[in-house]
């Protein structure tokens, strides 16, 4: 039987991504998934602030699940239509949206509230599982804030993390529904 070559060093960011994916797959509660995702965004991308909005199927609205960090207040207690603002754009288009200058962009759901944070740039990534958008995660990360689109490798890592998080959120929602039905 052939053995894997373990002599090559795996870059630390790839190791951290694998650890984050493993951690996400072990959570069965929505809050725990959100906390794990946001911790991974901090570890992988140096996110100062990050926020998670999930869809409420019945009302077709996005609502905030978590928003730690100094700029997270812009998203605290937000309930918004699924097609509104930057977060709605990422959700509806199922595409990563990079905002190089938050202060000059009025597409936010509540632009005045977001502008008051002093945030410089942001990235919004859809949470897609089984071909369906379930929510969106956003982050303010200085490592991605040079005014240019994040490098392809960073976008790929963000999308991979978001895809795993979407699966974890779906599983957690199903598990919590089963627990309520008991």
N, C-alpha and C. Protein backbone atom coordinates (compact mmCIF):
# COMPACT_ATOMS: atom_id res chain seq x y z
N UNK A 1 0.84 -1.16 0.00
CA UNK A 1 0.00 0.00 0.00
C UNK A 1 0.90 1.24 0.00
N UNK A 2 0.58 2.21 -0.85
CA UNK A 2 1.35 3.45 -0.90
C UNK A 2 0.99 4.33 0.28
N UNK A 3 1.99 5.01 0.81
CA UNK A 3 1.75 5.95 1.90
C UNK A 3 1.85 7.36 1.35
N UNK A 4 1.14 8.25 2.00
CA UNK A 4 1.20 9.65 1.61
C UNK A 4 2.55 10.23 1.98
N UNK A 5 3.05 11.11 1.14
CA UNK A 5 4.30 11.81 1.41
C UNK A 5 4.00 12.92 2.43
N UNK A 6 4.50 12.78 3.62
CA UNK A 6 4.26 13.76 4.68
C UNK A 6 5.44 14.70 4.86
N UNK A 7 6.42 14.62 3.96
CA UNK A 7 7.61 15.46 4.11
C UNK A 7 7.35 16.90 3.68
N UNK A 8 6.38 17.12 2.79
CA UNK A 8 6.07 18.47 2.35
C UNK A 8 5.33 19.21 3.46
N UNK A 9 5.71 20.47 3.67
CA UNK A 9 5.06 21.27 4.69
C UNK A 9 3.79 21.90 4.13
N UNK A 10 2.72 21.77 4.88
CA UNK A 10 1.46 22.40 4.51
C UNK A 10 1.50 23.83 5.05
N UNK A 11 1.16 24.82 4.20
CA UNK A 11 1.16 26.21 4.68
C UNK A 11 0.23 26.35 5.90
N UNK A 12 0.61 27.18 6.87
CA UNK A 12 -0.20 27.35 8.08
C UNK A 12 -1.65 27.73 7.80
N UNK A 13 -1.89 28.54 6.77
CA UNK A 13 -3.27 28.95 6.50
C UNK A 13 -4.10 27.76 6.04
N UNK A 14 -3.49 26.84 5.30
CA UNK A 14 -4.22 25.64 4.86
C UNK A 14 -4.52 24.74 6.05
N UNK A 15 -3.58 24.62 6.97
CA UNK A 15 -3.80 23.83 8.18
C UNK A 15 -4.94 24.45 9.00
N UNK A 16 -4.93 25.78 9.13
CA UNK A 16 -5.98 26.48 9.87
C UNK A 16 -7.34 26.29 9.19
N UNK A 17 -7.37 26.28 7.86
CA UNK A 17 -8.62 26.06 7.13
C UNK A 17 -9.16 24.66 7.39
N UNK A 18 -8.29 23.67 7.35
CA UNK A 18 -8.72 22.29 7.64
C UNK A 18 -9.24 22.20 9.07
N UNK A 19 -8.55 22.82 10.02
CA UNK A 19 -9.00 22.80 11.41
C UNK A 19 -10.38 23.47 11.54
N UNK A 20 -10.58 24.57 10.83
CA UNK A 20 -11.87 25.27 10.88
C UNK A 20 -12.99 24.42 10.32
N UNK A 21 -12.73 23.75 9.21
CA UNK A 21 -13.73 22.87 8.59
C UNK A 21 -14.09 21.73 9.54
N UNK A 22 -13.08 21.16 10.16
CA UNK A 22 -13.35 20.09 11.14
C UNK A 22 -14.19 20.60 12.30
N UNK A 23 -13.86 21.78 12.80
CA UNK A 23 -14.60 22.35 13.92
C UNK A 23 -16.05 22.64 13.52
N UNK A 24 -16.25 23.18 12.32
CA UNK A 24 -17.61 23.47 11.86
C UNK A 24 -18.44 22.20 11.76
N UNK A 25 -17.83 21.12 11.28
CA UNK A 25 -18.59 19.88 11.08
C UNK A 25 -18.95 19.20 12.40
N UNK A 26 -18.37 19.64 13.49
CA UNK A 26 -18.66 19.02 14.78
C UNK A 26 -19.73 19.77 15.58
N UNK A 27 -20.22 20.89 15.08
CA UNK A 27 -21.21 21.70 15.81
C UNK A 27 -22.63 21.32 15.41
N UNK A 28 -23.52 21.27 16.38
CA UNK A 28 -24.92 20.94 16.11
C UNK A 28 -25.88 22.03 16.58
N UNK A 29 -25.35 23.20 16.89
CA UNK A 29 -26.22 24.31 17.29
C UNK A 29 -25.86 25.53 16.46
N UNK A 30 -26.87 26.29 16.07
CA UNK A 30 -26.68 27.43 15.18
C UNK A 30 -25.71 28.43 15.80
N UNK A 31 -25.87 28.73 17.07
CA UNK A 31 -24.96 29.67 17.73
C UNK A 31 -23.53 29.18 17.73
N UNK A 32 -23.35 27.89 17.98
CA UNK A 32 -22.01 27.31 17.97
C UNK A 32 -21.37 27.35 16.59
N UNK A 33 -22.17 27.11 15.56
CA UNK A 33 -21.66 27.19 14.19
C UNK A 33 -21.21 28.62 13.90
N UNK A 34 -22.06 29.60 14.28
CA UNK A 34 -21.72 31.00 14.04
C UNK A 34 -20.43 31.37 14.76
N UNK A 35 -20.31 30.99 16.03
CA UNK A 35 -19.11 31.29 16.81
C UNK A 35 -17.87 30.66 16.17
N UNK A 36 -17.98 29.42 15.75
CA UNK A 36 -16.85 28.71 15.13
C UNK A 36 -16.46 29.37 13.81
N UNK A 37 -17.45 29.75 13.00
CA UNK A 37 -17.18 30.41 11.73
C UNK A 37 -16.47 31.75 11.96
N UNK A 38 -16.98 32.53 12.90
CA UNK A 38 -16.39 33.85 13.14
C UNK A 38 -14.98 33.73 13.71
N UNK A 39 -14.75 32.74 14.55
CA UNK A 39 -13.40 32.50 15.08
C UNK A 39 -12.45 32.13 13.94
N UNK A 40 -12.93 31.32 13.01
CA UNK A 40 -12.10 30.92 11.87
C UNK A 40 -11.78 32.12 10.99
N UNK A 41 -12.73 33.03 10.79
CA UNK A 41 -12.48 34.23 10.00
C UNK A 41 -11.42 35.10 10.66
N UNK A 42 -11.45 35.16 11.98
CA UNK A 42 -10.43 35.90 12.71
C UNK A 42 -9.07 35.24 12.55
N UNK A 43 -9.03 33.93 12.74
CA UNK A 43 -7.76 33.20 12.66
C UNK A 43 -7.16 33.20 11.24
N UNK A 44 -8.01 32.98 10.25
CA UNK A 44 -7.53 32.85 8.87
C UNK A 44 -7.25 34.18 8.18
N UNK A 45 -8.09 35.17 8.45
CA UNK A 45 -8.01 36.43 7.71
C UNK A 45 -7.76 37.65 8.58
N UNK A 46 -7.63 37.44 9.88
CA UNK A 46 -7.41 38.57 10.78
C UNK A 46 -8.61 39.49 10.85
N UNK A 47 -9.82 38.94 10.70
CA UNK A 47 -11.03 39.76 10.72
C UNK A 47 -11.15 40.51 12.04
N UNK A 48 -11.26 41.82 11.96
CA UNK A 48 -11.51 42.63 13.17
C UNK A 48 -12.95 42.47 13.59
N UNK A 49 -13.81 42.43 12.61
CA UNK A 49 -15.24 42.27 12.83
C UNK A 49 -15.77 41.31 11.79
N UNK A 50 -16.82 40.60 12.14
CA UNK A 50 -17.48 39.72 11.19
C UNK A 50 -18.93 39.59 11.64
N UNK A 51 -19.79 39.21 10.72
CA UNK A 51 -21.20 39.11 11.04
C UNK A 51 -21.82 38.02 10.18
N UNK A 52 -22.83 37.37 10.75
CA UNK A 52 -23.53 36.31 10.05
C UNK A 52 -25.01 36.66 10.05
N UNK A 53 -25.61 36.63 8.87
CA UNK A 53 -27.04 36.80 8.72
C UNK A 53 -27.58 35.53 8.08
N UNK A 54 -28.64 34.98 8.65
CA UNK A 54 -29.28 33.79 8.09
C UNK A 54 -30.67 34.14 7.62
N UNK A 55 -31.15 33.36 6.66
CA UNK A 55 -32.48 33.60 6.12
C UNK A 55 -33.54 32.99 7.02
N UNK A 56 -34.59 33.74 7.22
CA UNK A 56 -35.80 33.24 7.85
C UNK A 56 -36.71 32.85 6.68
N UNK A 57 -36.86 31.54 6.45
CA UNK A 57 -37.61 31.05 5.29
C UNK A 57 -39.02 31.61 5.22
N UNK A 58 -39.69 31.65 6.35
CA UNK A 58 -41.10 32.05 6.36
C UNK A 58 -41.28 33.51 5.94
N UNK A 59 -40.36 34.37 6.35
CA UNK A 59 -40.51 35.80 6.07
C UNK A 59 -39.65 36.29 4.92
N UNK A 60 -38.78 35.41 4.38
CA UNK A 60 -37.86 35.81 3.31
C UNK A 60 -37.06 37.04 3.72
N UNK A 61 -36.50 36.97 4.90
CA UNK A 61 -35.67 38.05 5.43
C UNK A 61 -34.37 37.47 5.96
N UNK A 62 -33.34 38.30 5.97
CA UNK A 62 -32.08 37.96 6.60
C UNK A 62 -32.07 38.59 7.99
N UNK A 63 -31.61 37.84 8.96
CA UNK A 63 -31.51 38.39 10.31
C UNK A 63 -30.15 38.02 10.92
N UNK A 64 -29.67 38.90 11.77
CA UNK A 64 -28.34 38.74 12.36
C UNK A 64 -28.35 37.61 13.38
N UNK A 65 -27.36 36.74 13.27
CA UNK A 65 -27.13 35.66 14.23
C UNK A 65 -26.00 36.04 15.17
N UNK A 66 -24.95 36.65 14.63
CA UNK A 66 -23.78 37.04 15.43
C UNK A 66 -23.06 38.18 14.71
N UNK A 67 -22.45 39.07 15.52
CA UNK A 67 -21.73 40.21 14.92
C UNK A 67 -20.68 40.78 15.87
N UNK A 68 -19.70 39.97 16.28
CA UNK A 68 -18.68 40.48 17.19
C UNK A 68 -17.68 41.41 16.51
N UNK A 69 -16.99 42.17 17.31
CA UNK A 69 -15.95 43.05 16.80
C UNK A 69 -16.38 44.50 16.82
N UNK A 70 -15.42 45.40 16.69
CA UNK A 70 -15.72 46.83 16.81
C UNK A 70 -16.67 47.37 15.75
N UNK A 71 -16.74 46.75 14.58
CA UNK A 71 -17.63 47.24 13.54
C UNK A 71 -18.89 46.39 13.42
N UNK A 72 -19.00 45.39 14.25
CA UNK A 72 -20.16 44.51 14.20
C UNK A 72 -21.46 45.18 14.59
N UNK A 73 -21.38 46.28 15.33
CA UNK A 73 -22.60 46.98 15.75
C UNK A 73 -23.45 47.41 14.57
N UNK A 74 -22.84 47.61 13.42
CA UNK A 74 -23.61 48.01 12.24
C UNK A 74 -24.61 46.94 11.84
N UNK A 75 -24.40 45.71 12.31
CA UNK A 75 -25.27 44.61 11.92
C UNK A 75 -26.07 44.04 13.09
N UNK A 76 -25.89 44.60 14.28
CA UNK A 76 -26.60 44.10 15.46
C UNK A 76 -28.11 44.27 15.27
N UNK A 77 -28.85 43.19 15.49
CA UNK A 77 -30.32 43.19 15.44
C UNK A 77 -30.89 43.58 14.08
N UNK A 78 -30.15 43.36 13.02
CA UNK A 78 -30.63 43.68 11.68
C UNK A 78 -31.60 42.61 11.21
N UNK A 79 -32.71 43.06 10.65
CA UNK A 79 -33.66 42.21 9.93
C UNK A 79 -33.93 42.95 8.63
N UNK A 80 -33.65 42.28 7.51
CA UNK A 80 -33.73 42.98 6.23
C UNK A 80 -34.23 42.05 5.13
N UNK A 81 -34.80 42.61 4.08
CA UNK A 81 -35.20 41.78 2.94
C UNK A 81 -33.99 41.06 2.36
N UNK A 82 -34.21 39.89 1.80
CA UNK A 82 -33.10 39.07 1.28
C UNK A 82 -32.40 39.69 0.09
N UNK A 83 -33.00 40.70 -0.52
CA UNK A 83 -32.38 41.31 -1.70
C UNK A 83 -31.93 42.75 -1.45
N UNK A 84 -31.81 43.15 -0.18
CA UNK A 84 -31.46 44.53 0.15
C UNK A 84 -29.98 44.67 0.50
N UNK A 85 -29.38 45.72 0.02
CA UNK A 85 -28.03 46.08 0.41
C UNK A 85 -26.96 45.12 -0.09
N UNK A 86 -25.76 45.35 0.41
CA UNK A 86 -24.60 44.54 0.03
C UNK A 86 -24.81 43.08 0.44
N UNK A 87 -25.29 42.89 1.66
CA UNK A 87 -25.49 41.52 2.15
C UNK A 87 -26.55 40.81 1.31
N UNK A 88 -27.62 41.51 0.98
CA UNK A 88 -28.65 40.94 0.12
C UNK A 88 -28.15 40.65 -1.28
N UNK A 89 -27.25 41.50 -1.77
CA UNK A 89 -26.66 41.27 -3.09
C UNK A 89 -25.85 39.97 -3.10
N UNK A 90 -25.02 39.77 -2.07
CA UNK A 90 -24.24 38.53 -1.99
C UNK A 90 -25.17 37.33 -1.85
N UNK A 91 -26.22 37.47 -1.03
CA UNK A 91 -27.18 36.38 -0.82
C UNK A 91 -27.91 36.05 -2.12
N UNK A 92 -28.47 37.05 -2.77
CA UNK A 92 -29.29 36.84 -3.98
C UNK A 92 -28.48 36.37 -5.18
N UNK A 93 -27.28 36.93 -5.34
CA UNK A 93 -26.46 36.58 -6.50
C UNK A 93 -25.63 35.32 -6.28
N UNK A 94 -25.51 34.93 -5.00
CA UNK A 94 -24.67 33.79 -4.62
C UNK A 94 -23.22 34.01 -5.06
N UNK A 95 -22.80 35.27 -5.01
CA UNK A 95 -21.45 35.65 -5.40
C UNK A 95 -20.79 36.42 -4.27
N UNK A 96 -19.47 36.30 -4.17
CA UNK A 96 -18.71 37.10 -3.21
C UNK A 96 -18.78 38.55 -3.66
N UNK A 97 -19.04 39.45 -2.71
CA UNK A 97 -19.09 40.89 -3.00
C UNK A 97 -18.00 41.56 -2.17
N UNK A 98 -17.09 42.24 -2.85
CA UNK A 98 -16.02 42.98 -2.18
C UNK A 98 -16.35 44.46 -2.26
N UNK A 99 -16.28 45.14 -1.12
CA UNK A 99 -16.52 46.57 -1.05
C UNK A 99 -15.20 47.23 -0.66
N UNK A 100 -14.48 47.79 -1.64
CA UNK A 100 -13.16 48.34 -1.34
C UNK A 100 -13.19 49.60 -0.48
N UNK A 101 -14.28 50.38 -0.56
CA UNK A 101 -14.39 51.62 0.22
C UNK A 101 -15.79 51.69 0.83
N UNK A 102 -15.92 51.15 2.02
CA UNK A 102 -17.21 51.09 2.70
C UNK A 102 -17.82 52.49 2.85
N UNK A 103 -16.97 53.47 3.15
CA UNK A 103 -17.47 54.82 3.41
C UNK A 103 -18.07 55.49 2.17
N UNK A 104 -17.63 55.08 1.00
CA UNK A 104 -18.13 55.69 -0.23
C UNK A 104 -19.26 54.88 -0.87
N UNK A 105 -19.63 53.78 -0.27
CA UNK A 105 -20.63 52.90 -0.87
C UNK A 105 -21.96 53.03 -0.14
N UNK A 106 -22.97 53.46 -0.86
CA UNK A 106 -24.30 53.66 -0.27
C UNK A 106 -25.24 52.50 -0.53
N UNK A 107 -24.72 51.36 -0.98
CA UNK A 107 -25.58 50.21 -1.26
C UNK A 107 -25.93 49.41 -0.01
N UNK A 108 -25.39 49.76 1.14
CA UNK A 108 -25.68 49.02 2.37
C UNK A 108 -27.15 49.15 2.72
N UNK A 109 -27.69 48.16 3.41
CA UNK A 109 -29.09 48.20 3.84
C UNK A 109 -29.36 49.44 4.69
N UNK A 110 -28.48 49.71 5.63
CA UNK A 110 -28.56 50.92 6.44
C UNK A 110 -27.20 51.61 6.33
N UNK A 111 -27.00 52.33 5.23
CA UNK A 111 -25.70 52.91 4.92
C UNK A 111 -25.19 53.83 6.03
N UNK A 112 -26.04 54.66 6.59
CA UNK A 112 -25.59 55.58 7.63
C UNK A 112 -25.04 54.81 8.83
N UNK A 113 -25.70 53.75 9.21
CA UNK A 113 -25.26 52.93 10.35
C UNK A 113 -23.90 52.28 10.06
N UNK A 114 -23.74 51.76 8.85
CA UNK A 114 -22.47 51.12 8.47
C UNK A 114 -21.37 52.17 8.37
N UNK A 115 -21.66 53.33 7.80
CA UNK A 115 -20.65 54.38 7.64
C UNK A 115 -20.14 54.88 9.00
N UNK A 116 -21.00 54.91 10.01
CA UNK A 116 -20.59 55.38 11.35
C UNK A 116 -19.52 54.48 11.98
N UNK A 117 -19.38 53.26 11.51
CA UNK A 117 -18.40 52.36 12.11
C UNK A 117 -16.96 52.75 11.79
N UNK A 118 -16.75 53.44 10.69
CA UNK A 118 -15.40 53.76 10.27
C UNK A 118 -14.72 52.61 9.53
N UNK A 119 -15.46 51.56 9.26
CA UNK A 119 -14.92 50.41 8.53
C UNK A 119 -14.41 50.88 7.16
N UNK A 120 -13.28 50.33 6.74
CA UNK A 120 -12.68 50.74 5.47
C UNK A 120 -13.13 49.87 4.30
N UNK A 121 -13.05 48.57 4.44
CA UNK A 121 -13.47 47.68 3.36
C UNK A 121 -14.15 46.47 3.97
N UNK A 122 -14.88 45.75 3.13
CA UNK A 122 -15.62 44.60 3.63
C UNK A 122 -15.79 43.58 2.51
N UNK A 123 -16.02 42.35 2.93
CA UNK A 123 -16.29 41.26 2.00
C UNK A 123 -17.56 40.57 2.49
N UNK A 124 -18.48 40.29 1.57
CA UNK A 124 -19.69 39.54 1.88
C UNK A 124 -19.66 38.25 1.08
N UNK A 125 -19.88 37.12 1.76
CA UNK A 125 -19.79 35.81 1.13
C UNK A 125 -21.09 35.05 1.39
N UNK A 126 -21.75 34.57 0.33
CA UNK A 126 -22.98 33.82 0.54
C UNK A 126 -22.71 32.46 1.18
N UNK A 127 -23.66 32.01 1.97
CA UNK A 127 -23.63 30.68 2.58
C UNK A 127 -24.56 29.80 1.75
N UNK A 128 -23.99 29.00 0.86
CA UNK A 128 -24.79 28.21 -0.08
C UNK A 128 -24.63 26.73 0.22
N UNK A 129 -25.76 26.04 0.33
CA UNK A 129 -25.79 24.60 0.58
C UNK A 129 -26.87 23.99 -0.30
N UNK A 130 -26.56 22.91 -0.97
CA UNK A 130 -27.51 22.23 -1.85
C UNK A 130 -28.10 23.18 -2.89
N UNK A 131 -27.28 24.09 -3.40
CA UNK A 131 -27.73 25.03 -4.42
C UNK A 131 -28.62 26.14 -3.93
N UNK A 132 -28.78 26.25 -2.62
CA UNK A 132 -29.67 27.25 -2.04
C UNK A 132 -28.89 28.15 -1.09
N UNK A 133 -29.07 29.46 -1.24
CA UNK A 133 -28.46 30.40 -0.30
C UNK A 133 -29.20 30.31 1.03
N UNK A 134 -28.45 30.15 2.11
CA UNK A 134 -29.03 30.05 3.45
C UNK A 134 -28.78 31.29 4.28
N UNK A 135 -27.80 32.08 3.84
CA UNK A 135 -27.45 33.28 4.58
C UNK A 135 -26.22 33.90 3.94
N UNK A 136 -25.57 34.76 4.71
CA UNK A 136 -24.39 35.45 4.22
C UNK A 136 -23.51 35.80 5.41
N UNK A 137 -22.21 35.75 5.18
CA UNK A 137 -21.25 36.15 6.21
C UNK A 137 -20.45 37.32 5.65
N UNK A 138 -20.21 38.30 6.50
CA UNK A 138 -19.43 39.46 6.09
C UNK A 138 -18.26 39.64 7.04
N UNK A 139 -17.21 40.27 6.54
CA UNK A 139 -16.08 40.53 7.41
C UNK A 139 -15.34 41.78 7.00
N UNK A 140 -14.74 42.37 8.01
CA UNK A 140 -13.85 43.51 7.87
C UNK A 140 -12.48 42.98 8.26
N UNK A 141 -11.62 42.77 7.28
CA UNK A 141 -10.31 42.18 7.54
C UNK A 141 -9.22 43.05 6.95
N UNK A 142 -8.35 43.58 7.79
CA UNK A 142 -7.26 44.41 7.28
C UNK A 142 -6.42 43.70 6.22
N UNK A 143 -6.29 42.38 6.32
CA UNK A 143 -5.48 41.66 5.34
C UNK A 143 -6.11 41.68 3.96
N UNK A 144 -7.40 42.00 3.90
CA UNK A 144 -8.10 42.07 2.61
C UNK A 144 -8.44 43.51 2.24
N UNK A 145 -7.84 44.48 2.93
CA UNK A 145 -8.28 45.86 2.82
C UNK A 145 -7.33 46.77 2.05
N UNK A 146 -6.68 46.27 1.05
CA UNK A 146 -5.75 47.12 0.31
C UNK A 146 -6.43 47.84 -0.86
N UNK A 147 -7.74 47.80 -0.91
CA UNK A 147 -8.48 48.48 -1.97
C UNK A 147 -8.61 47.68 -3.25
N UNK A 148 -7.99 46.51 -3.28
CA UNK A 148 -8.10 45.63 -4.45
C UNK A 148 -8.89 44.40 -4.05
N UNK A 149 -9.42 43.75 -5.05
CA UNK A 149 -10.10 42.48 -4.78
C UNK A 149 -9.17 41.54 -4.03
N UNK A 150 -9.71 40.76 -3.09
CA UNK A 150 -8.85 39.77 -2.43
C UNK A 150 -8.26 38.82 -3.47
N UNK A 151 -7.06 38.35 -3.20
CA UNK A 151 -6.40 37.40 -4.11
C UNK A 151 -7.29 36.17 -4.31
N UNK A 152 -7.13 35.53 -5.45
CA UNK A 152 -7.92 34.36 -5.78
C UNK A 152 -7.83 33.29 -4.69
N UNK A 153 -6.66 33.09 -4.14
CA UNK A 153 -6.50 32.08 -3.08
C UNK A 153 -7.35 32.44 -1.86
N UNK A 154 -7.37 33.72 -1.49
CA UNK A 154 -8.19 34.15 -0.34
C UNK A 154 -9.68 34.01 -0.64
N UNK A 155 -10.09 34.39 -1.84
CA UNK A 155 -11.51 34.24 -2.22
C UNK A 155 -11.90 32.77 -2.19
N UNK A 156 -11.02 31.92 -2.69
CA UNK A 156 -11.30 30.49 -2.71
C UNK A 156 -11.43 29.96 -1.28
N UNK A 157 -10.53 30.37 -0.40
CA UNK A 157 -10.60 29.94 1.01
C UNK A 157 -11.89 30.44 1.66
N UNK A 158 -12.25 31.70 1.39
CA UNK A 158 -13.50 32.25 1.95
C UNK A 158 -14.70 31.45 1.47
N UNK A 159 -14.73 31.15 0.19
CA UNK A 159 -15.86 30.39 -0.36
C UNK A 159 -15.90 28.97 0.19
N UNK A 160 -14.75 28.36 0.35
CA UNK A 160 -14.71 27.00 0.91
C UNK A 160 -15.20 27.00 2.35
N UNK A 161 -14.75 27.96 3.13
CA UNK A 161 -15.18 28.07 4.53
C UNK A 161 -16.68 28.35 4.60
N UNK A 162 -17.16 29.25 3.75
CA UNK A 162 -18.59 29.57 3.74
C UNK A 162 -19.43 28.37 3.32
N UNK A 163 -18.95 27.60 2.36
CA UNK A 163 -19.69 26.41 1.92
C UNK A 163 -19.81 25.40 3.06
N UNK A 164 -18.72 25.18 3.78
CA UNK A 164 -18.78 24.25 4.91
C UNK A 164 -19.67 24.81 6.02
N UNK A 165 -19.60 26.11 6.24
CA UNK A 165 -20.45 26.73 7.26
C UNK A 165 -21.93 26.59 6.87
N UNK A 166 -22.24 26.73 5.59
CA UNK A 166 -23.63 26.59 5.14
C UNK A 166 -24.16 25.20 5.45
N UNK A 167 -23.34 24.18 5.20
CA UNK A 167 -23.73 22.80 5.53
C UNK A 167 -23.91 22.66 7.04
N UNK A 168 -22.99 23.23 7.80
CA UNK A 168 -23.08 23.14 9.26
C UNK A 168 -24.32 23.85 9.78
N UNK A 169 -24.66 25.02 9.21
CA UNK A 169 -25.88 25.72 9.63
C UNK A 169 -27.11 24.89 9.29
N UNK A 170 -27.15 24.30 8.10
CA UNK A 170 -28.30 23.47 7.70
C UNK A 170 -28.45 22.29 8.65
N UNK A 171 -27.35 21.62 8.97
CA UNK A 171 -27.40 20.49 9.90
C UNK A 171 -27.85 20.93 11.29
N UNK A 172 -27.33 22.06 11.75
CA UNK A 172 -27.70 22.56 13.08
C UNK A 172 -29.18 22.92 13.13
N UNK A 173 -29.68 23.54 12.07
CA UNK A 173 -31.11 23.89 12.03
C UNK A 173 -31.97 22.64 12.07
N UNK A 174 -31.58 21.61 11.31
CA UNK A 174 -32.33 20.35 11.32
C UNK A 174 -32.28 19.70 12.70
N UNK A 175 -31.10 19.68 13.29
CA UNK A 175 -30.94 19.07 14.61
C UNK A 175 -31.79 19.82 15.65
N UNK A 176 -31.72 21.14 15.64
CA UNK A 176 -32.51 21.94 16.61
C UNK A 176 -34.00 21.73 16.39
N UNK A 177 -34.45 21.60 15.13
CA UNK A 177 -35.86 21.34 14.85
C UNK A 177 -36.27 19.98 15.40
N UNK A 178 -35.42 18.98 15.24
CA UNK A 178 -35.71 17.64 15.79
C UNK A 178 -35.80 17.68 17.30
N UNK A 179 -34.89 18.41 17.92
CA UNK A 179 -34.91 18.53 19.39
C UNK A 179 -36.18 19.22 19.88
N UNK A 180 -36.64 20.25 19.15
CA UNK A 180 -37.89 20.93 19.52
C UNK A 180 -39.08 20.01 19.37
N UNK A 181 -39.07 19.14 18.35
CA UNK A 181 -40.18 18.22 18.10
C UNK A 181 -40.28 17.11 19.14
N UNK A 182 -39.18 16.85 19.84
CA UNK A 182 -39.20 15.77 20.84
C UNK A 182 -40.08 16.14 21.95
